[in-house]
C-alpha atoms as a PDB file:
ATOM      1  CA  UNK A   1     124.364 105.122-133.078  1.00  0.00           C
ATOM      2  CA  UNK A   2     126.500 102.934-135.241  1.00  0.00           C
ATOM      3  CA  UNK A   3     128.619 100.181-133.689  1.00  0.00           C
ATOM      4  CA  UNK A   4     131.825 102.018-134.655  1.00  0.00           C
ATOM      5  CA  UNK A   5     130.779 105.167-132.791  1.00  0.00           C
ATOM      6  CA  UNK A   6     129.716 103.066-129.794  1.00  0.00           C
ATOM      7  CA  UNK A   7     133.084 101.334-129.794  1.00  0.00           C
ATOM      8  CA  UNK A   8     134.942 104.654-130.032  1.00  0.00           C
ATOM      9  CA  UNK A   9     132.950 106.160-127.149  1.00  0.00           C
ATOM     10  CA  UNK A  10     133.467 103.067-125.010  1.00  0.00           C
ATOM     11  CA  UNK A  11     137.174 102.915-125.847  1.00  0.00           C
ATOM     12  CA  UNK A  12     137.663 106.618-125.136  1.00  0.00           C
ATOM     13  CA  UNK A  13     135.931 106.357-121.769  1.00  0.00           C
ATOM     14  CA  UNK A  14     137.868 103.200-120.901  1.00  0.00           C
ATOM     15  CA  UNK A  15     141.246 104.727-121.788  1.00  0.00           C
ATOM     16  CA  UNK A  16     140.461 107.960-119.929  1.00  0.00           C
ATOM     17  CA  UNK A  17     139.289 106.028-116.877  1.00  0.00           C
ATOM     18  CA  UNK A  18     142.362 103.792-116.921  1.00  0.00           C
ATOM     19  CA  UNK A  19     144.760 106.741-117.204  1.00  0.00           C
ATOM     20  CA  UNK A  20     143.022 108.731-114.462  1.00  0.00           C
ATOM     21  CA  UNK A  21     142.855 105.765-112.087  1.00  0.00           C
ATOM     22  CA  UNK A  22     146.548 104.969-112.568  1.00  0.00           C
ATOM     23  CA  UNK A  23     147.417 108.636-112.036  1.00  0.00           C
ATOM     24  CA  UNK A  24     145.277 108.695-108.874  1.00  0.00           C
ATOM     25  CA  UNK A  25     147.371 105.981-107.259  1.00  0.00           C
ATOM     26  CA  UNK A  26     150.802 106.959-108.582  1.00  0.00           C
ATOM     27  CA  UNK A  27     150.929 110.723-108.089  1.00  0.00           C
ATOM     28  CA  UNK A  28     152.800 112.035-105.060  1.00  0.00           C
ATOM     29  CA  UNK A  29     150.465 114.938-104.317  1.00  0.00           C
ATOM     30  CA  UNK A  30     147.390 113.990-102.302  1.00  0.00           C
ATOM     31  CA  UNK A  31     145.353 116.831-103.744  1.00  0.00           C
ATOM     32  CA  UNK A  32     146.177 115.813-107.312  1.00  0.00           C
ATOM     33  CA  UNK A  33     145.333 112.231-106.400  1.00  0.00           C
ATOM     34  CA  UNK A  34     141.886 113.351-105.219  1.00  0.00           C
ATOM     35  CA  UNK A  35     141.459 115.290-108.469  1.00  0.00           C
ATOM     36  CA  UNK A  36     142.309 112.217-110.545  1.00  0.00           C
ATOM     37  CA  UNK A  37     139.859 110.215-108.421  1.00  0.00           C
ATOM     38  CA  UNK A  38     137.204 112.805-109.245  1.00  0.00           C
ATOM     39  CA  UNK A  39     137.925 112.438-112.967  1.00  0.00           C
ATOM     40  CA  UNK A  40     137.798 108.632-112.662  1.00  0.00           C
ATOM     41  CA  UNK A  41     134.378 108.846-111.024  1.00  0.00           C
ATOM     42  CA  UNK A  42     133.182 111.215-113.745  1.00  0.00           C
ATOM     43  CA  UNK A  43     134.313 108.666-116.355  1.00  0.00           C
ATOM     44  CA  UNK A  44     132.240 106.073-114.489  1.00  0.00           C
ATOM     45  CA  UNK A  45     129.251 108.397-114.815  1.00  0.00           C
ATOM     46  CA  UNK A  46     130.073 108.608-118.520  1.00  0.00           C
ATOM     47  CA  UNK A  47     129.747 104.817-118.751  1.00  0.00           C
ATOM     48  CA  UNK A  48     126.329 105.043-117.097  1.00  0.00           C
ATOM     49  CA  UNK A  49     125.277 107.699-119.607  1.00  0.00           C
ATOM     50  CA  UNK A  50     126.593 105.538-122.433  1.00  0.00           C
ATOM     51  CA  UNK A  51     124.350 102.715-121.183  1.00  0.00           C
ATOM     52  CA  UNK A  52     121.373 105.136-120.950  1.00  0.00           C
ATOM     53  CA  UNK A  53     121.192 104.954-117.147  1.00  0.00           C
ATOM     54  CA  UNK A  54     120.779 108.677-116.618  1.00  0.00           C
ATOM     55  CA  UNK A  55     119.640 108.346-113.008  1.00  0.00           C
ATOM     56  CA  UNK A  56     122.702 106.301-112.010  1.00  0.00           C
ATOM     57  CA  UNK A  57     124.958 108.794-113.796  1.00  0.00           C
ATOM     58  CA  UNK A  58     123.394 111.646-111.831  1.00  0.00           C
ATOM     59  CA  UNK A  59     123.794 109.719-108.569  1.00  0.00           C
ATOM     60  CA  UNK A  60     127.413 108.915-109.452  1.00  0.00           C
ATOM     61  CA  UNK A  61     128.246 112.572-110.068  1.00  0.00           C
ATOM     62  CA  UNK A  62     126.320 114.003-107.127  1.00  0.00           C
ATOM     63  CA  UNK A  63     127.117 111.431-104.436  1.00  0.00           C
ATOM     64  CA  UNK A  64     130.531 110.059-105.324  1.00  0.00           C
ATOM     65  CA  UNK A  65     132.161 112.712-107.472  1.00  0.00           C
ATOM     66  CA  UNK A  66     130.514 115.544-105.550  1.00  0.00           C
ATOM     67  CA  UNK A  67     130.290 114.286-101.992  1.00  0.00           C
ATOM     68  CA  UNK A  68     132.999 111.710-101.403  1.00  0.00           C
ATOM     69  CA  UNK A  69     135.761 113.562-103.260  1.00  0.00           C
ATOM     70  CA  UNK A  70     134.919 116.812-101.444  1.00  0.00           C
ATOM     71  CA  UNK A  71     135.119 114.878 -98.160  1.00  0.00           C
ATOM     72  CA  UNK A  72     138.552 113.540 -99.151  1.00  0.00           C
ATOM     73  CA  UNK A  73     139.765 117.021-100.104  1.00  0.00           C
ATOM     74  CA  UNK A  74     138.631 118.403 -96.734  1.00  0.00           C
ATOM     75  CA  UNK A  75     140.374 115.502 -94.976  1.00  0.00           C
ATOM     76  CA  UNK A  76     143.566 116.219 -96.928  1.00  0.00           C
ATOM     77  CA  UNK A  77     143.465 119.916 -96.047  1.00  0.00           C
ATOM     78  CA  UNK A  78     142.738 119.267 -92.381  1.00  0.00           C
ATOM     79  CA  UNK A  79     145.319 116.538 -91.815  1.00  0.00           C
ATOM     80  CA  UNK A  80     148.279 117.610 -93.969  1.00  0.00           C
ATOM     81  CA  UNK A  81     151.260 118.899 -92.014  1.00  0.00           C
ATOM     82  CA  UNK A  82     153.519 121.711 -93.119  1.00  0.00           C
ATOM     83  CA  UNK A  83     156.817 119.798 -92.966  1.00  0.00           C
ATOM     84  CA  UNK A  84     155.504 116.439 -94.144  1.00  0.00           C
ATOM     85  CA  UNK A  85     158.090 114.402 -96.047  1.00  0.00           C
ATOM     86  CA  UNK A  86     157.114 111.528 -98.321  1.00  0.00           C
ATOM     87  CA  UNK A  87     158.833 108.257 -97.522  1.00  0.00           C
ATOM     88  CA  UNK A  88     160.413 106.456-100.442  1.00  0.00           C
ATOM     89  CA  UNK A  89     159.435 102.819-100.622  1.00  0.00           C
ATOM     90  CA  UNK A  90     161.616  99.931-101.612  1.00  0.00           C
ATOM     91  CA  UNK A  91     161.393  98.559-105.138  1.00  0.00           C
ATOM     92  CA  UNK A  92     160.196  95.133-103.979  1.00  0.00           C
ATOM     93  CA  UNK A  93     157.043  96.663-102.522  1.00  0.00           C
ATOM     94  CA  UNK A  94     156.064  97.727-106.019  1.00  0.00           C
ATOM     95  CA  UNK A  95     156.658  94.178-107.273  1.00  0.00           C
ATOM     96  CA  UNK A  96     154.517  92.710-104.470  1.00  0.00           C
ATOM     97  CA  UNK A  97     151.824  95.294-105.131  1.00  0.00           C
ATOM     98  CA  UNK A  98     151.818  94.495-108.851  1.00  0.00           C
ATOM     99  CA  UNK A  99     151.539  90.762-108.150  1.00  0.00           C
ATOM    100  CA  UNK A 100     148.657  91.283-105.734  1.00  0.00           C
ATOM    101  CA  UNK A 101     146.949  93.571-108.269  1.00  0.00           C
ATOM    102  CA  UNK A 102     147.298  90.941-111.009  1.00  0.00           C
ATOM    103  CA  UNK A 103     145.789  88.278-108.745  1.00  0.00           C
ATOM    104  CA  UNK A 104     142.925  90.663-107.935  1.00  0.00           C
ATOM    105  CA  UNK A 105     142.343  91.434-111.615  1.00  0.00           C
ATOM    106  CA  UNK A 106     142.316  87.702-112.353  1.00  0.00           C
ATOM    107  CA  UNK A 107     139.739  87.062-109.626  1.00  0.00           C
ATOM    108  CA  UNK A 108     137.525  89.898-110.856  1.00  0.00           C
ATOM    109  CA  UNK A 109     137.776  88.666-114.465  1.00  0.00           C
ATOM    110  CA  UNK A 110     136.913  85.110-113.393  1.00  0.00           C
ATOM    111  CA  UNK A 111     133.928  86.357-111.394  1.00  0.00           C
ATOM    112  CA  UNK A 112     132.653  88.494-114.258  1.00  0.00           C
ATOM    113  CA  UNK A 113     132.957  85.645-116.752  1.00  0.00           C
ATOM    114  CA  UNK A 114     131.285  83.048-114.513  1.00  0.00           C
ATOM    115  CA  UNK A 115     128.435  85.114-113.029  1.00  0.00           C
ATOM    116  CA  UNK A 116     125.053  85.834-114.562  1.00  0.00           C
ATOM    117  CA  UNK A 117     124.378  89.244-113.125  1.00  0.00           C
ATOM    118  CA  UNK A 118     121.125  91.119-113.557  1.00  0.00           C
ATOM    119  CA  UNK A 119     119.857  88.968-116.422  1.00  0.00           C
ATOM    120  CA  UNK A 120     119.542  86.022-114.052  1.00  0.00           C
ATOM    121  CA  UNK A 121     117.339  88.128-111.776  1.00  0.00           C
ATOM    122  CA  UNK A 122     115.188  89.382-114.652  1.00  0.00           C
ATOM    123  CA  UNK A 123     115.093  86.745-117.429  1.00  0.00           C
ATOM    124  CA  UNK A 124     112.505  88.700-119.417  1.00  0.00           C
ATOM    125  CA  UNK A 125     115.163  91.200-120.484  1.00  0.00           C
ATOM    126  CA  UNK A 126     116.144  91.017-124.109  1.00  0.00           C
ATOM    127  CA  UNK A 127     119.118  92.553-125.929  1.00  0.00           C
ATOM    128  CA  UNK A 128     118.838  96.313-125.497  1.00  0.00           C
ATOM    129  CA  UNK A 129     115.955  96.293-123.004  1.00  0.00           C
ATOM    130  CA  UNK A 130     116.441  98.731-120.159  1.00  0.00           C
ATOM    131  CA  UNK A 131     115.849  98.258-116.479  1.00  0.00           C
ATOM    132  CA  UNK A 132     113.340 100.468-114.758  1.00  0.00           C
ATOM    133  CA  UNK A 133     114.256 102.433-111.635  1.00  0.00           C
ATOM    134  CA  UNK A 134     112.194  99.957-109.602  1.00  0.00           C
ATOM    135  CA  UNK A 135     114.272  97.045-110.958  1.00  0.00           C
ATOM    136  CA  UNK A 136     117.532  98.848-110.165  1.00  0.00           C
ATOM    137  CA  UNK A 137     116.339  99.709-106.653  1.00  0.00           C
ATOM    138  CA  UNK A 138     115.190  96.147-106.032  1.00  0.00           C
ATOM    139  CA  UNK A 139     118.518  94.761-107.265  1.00  0.00           C
ATOM    140  CA  UNK A 140     120.567  97.149-105.115  1.00  0.00           C
ATOM    141  CA  UNK A 141     118.547  96.980-101.907  1.00  0.00           C
ATOM    142  CA  UNK A 142     117.033  93.497-102.016  1.00  0.00           C
ATOM    143  CA  UNK A 143     118.177  90.483-100.019  1.00  0.00           C
ATOM    144  CA  UNK A 144     117.438  87.770-102.586  1.00  0.00           C
ATOM    145  CA  UNK A 145     119.859  85.590-104.533  1.00  0.00           C
ATOM    146  CA  UNK A 146     120.748  88.166-107.197  1.00  0.00           C
ATOM    147  CA  UNK A 147     120.347  91.264-105.068  1.00  0.00           C
ATOM    148  CA  UNK A 148     123.083  93.348-103.526  1.00  0.00           C
ATOM    149  CA  UNK A 149     122.135  94.748-100.114  1.00  0.00           C
ATOM    150  CA  UNK A 150     124.879  92.901 -98.215  1.00  0.00           C
ATOM    151  CA  UNK A 151     127.736  93.857-100.602  1.00  0.00           C
ATOM    152  CA  UNK A 152     126.394  97.418-100.686  1.00  0.00           C
ATOM    153  CA  UNK A 153     126.516  97.671 -96.880  1.00  0.00           C
ATOM    154  CA  UNK A 154     129.914  95.957 -96.705  1.00  0.00           C
ATOM    155  CA  UNK A 155     131.262  98.516 -99.168  1.00  0.00           C
ATOM    156  CA  UNK A 156     129.965 101.363 -97.013  1.00  0.00           C
ATOM    157  CA  UNK A 157     131.661  99.846 -93.940  1.00  0.00           C
ATOM    158  CA  UNK A 158     134.909  99.437 -95.891  1.00  0.00           C
ATOM    159  CA  UNK A 159     134.779 103.094 -96.941  1.00  0.00           C
ATOM    160  CA  UNK A 160     134.091 104.150 -93.352  1.00  0.00           C
ATOM    161  CA  UNK A 161     137.008 102.036 -92.072  1.00  0.00           C
ATOM    162  CA  UNK A 162     139.330 103.560 -94.686  1.00  0.00           C
ATOM    163  CA  UNK A 163     138.349 107.098 -93.703  1.00  0.00           C
ATOM    164  CA  UNK A 164     138.733 106.415 -89.965  1.00  0.00           C
ATOM    165  CA  UNK A 165     142.063 104.666 -90.571  1.00  0.00           C
ATOM    166  CA  UNK A 166     143.313 107.588 -92.650  1.00  0.00           C
ATOM    167  CA  UNK A 167     142.366 110.041 -89.918  1.00  0.00           C
ATOM    168  CA  UNK A 168     144.058 107.925 -87.237  1.00  0.00           C
ATOM    169  CA  UNK A 169     147.240 107.576 -89.276  1.00  0.00           C
ATOM    170  CA  UNK A 170     147.308 111.305 -89.997  1.00  0.00           C
ATOM    171  CA  UNK A 171     146.752 112.253 -86.352  1.00  0.00           C
ATOM    172  CA  UNK A 172     148.964 109.705 -84.555  1.00  0.00           C
ATOM    173  CA  UNK A 173     152.052 111.968 -84.466  1.00  0.00           C
ATOM    174  CA  UNK A 174     150.233 114.860 -82.832  1.00  0.00           C
ATOM    175  CA  UNK A 175     150.752 115.090 -79.065  1.00  0.00           C
ATOM    176  CA  UNK A 176     147.936 116.047 -76.698  1.00  0.00           C
ATOM    177  CA  UNK A 177     147.432 119.785 -76.353  1.00  0.00           C
ATOM    178  CA  UNK A 178     149.717 120.642 -79.277  1.00  0.00           C
ATOM    179  CA  UNK A 179     148.438 123.063 -81.883  1.00  0.00           C
ATOM    180  CA  UNK A 180     149.262 122.250 -85.465  1.00  0.00           C
ATOM    181  CA  UNK A 181     149.329 124.579 -88.470  1.00  0.00           C
ATOM    182  CA  UNK A 182     147.830 123.418 -91.717  1.00  0.00           C
ATOM    183  CA  UNK A 183     149.904 123.616 -94.878  1.00  0.00           C
ATOM    184  CA  UNK A 184     147.111 125.462 -96.684  1.00  0.00           C
END
């Protein structure tokens, strides 16, 4: 493909992913938020396809877009109350959140610019050379300097903690022995 077409595809995916991710965190409906999360994860799979990593795109769609989002939708349906009222937050919380997000974006940008990612682990790669599935598996599950087993496991624990915390927050108002009707 020509560089112009590549740039247009990349830009389209980036804009779609940015819009969907912002909508996922700003919408008031939990179900719509999960839908926007699904579309964000599908855009991520589109990036993998754009980079010719078909296996990672399939894993992204099947595991994250298929499994995790379905789990979130079930959690929303099972924990949503009929008379639930959304609490309006103060304006300053949005300002603090925006400042924290900007600091986080700055840290991520600094890390990306200063780190030699997979090319440091495999110096034989040139320009458009592609990684084999064995190289990807070794990079994800290895324990060496440029391998990612520890961050991978920490991410899974963070996801587990978020799910357990969400369930505890959703269930803390329910008294023992009380039956509760679902909104759906």
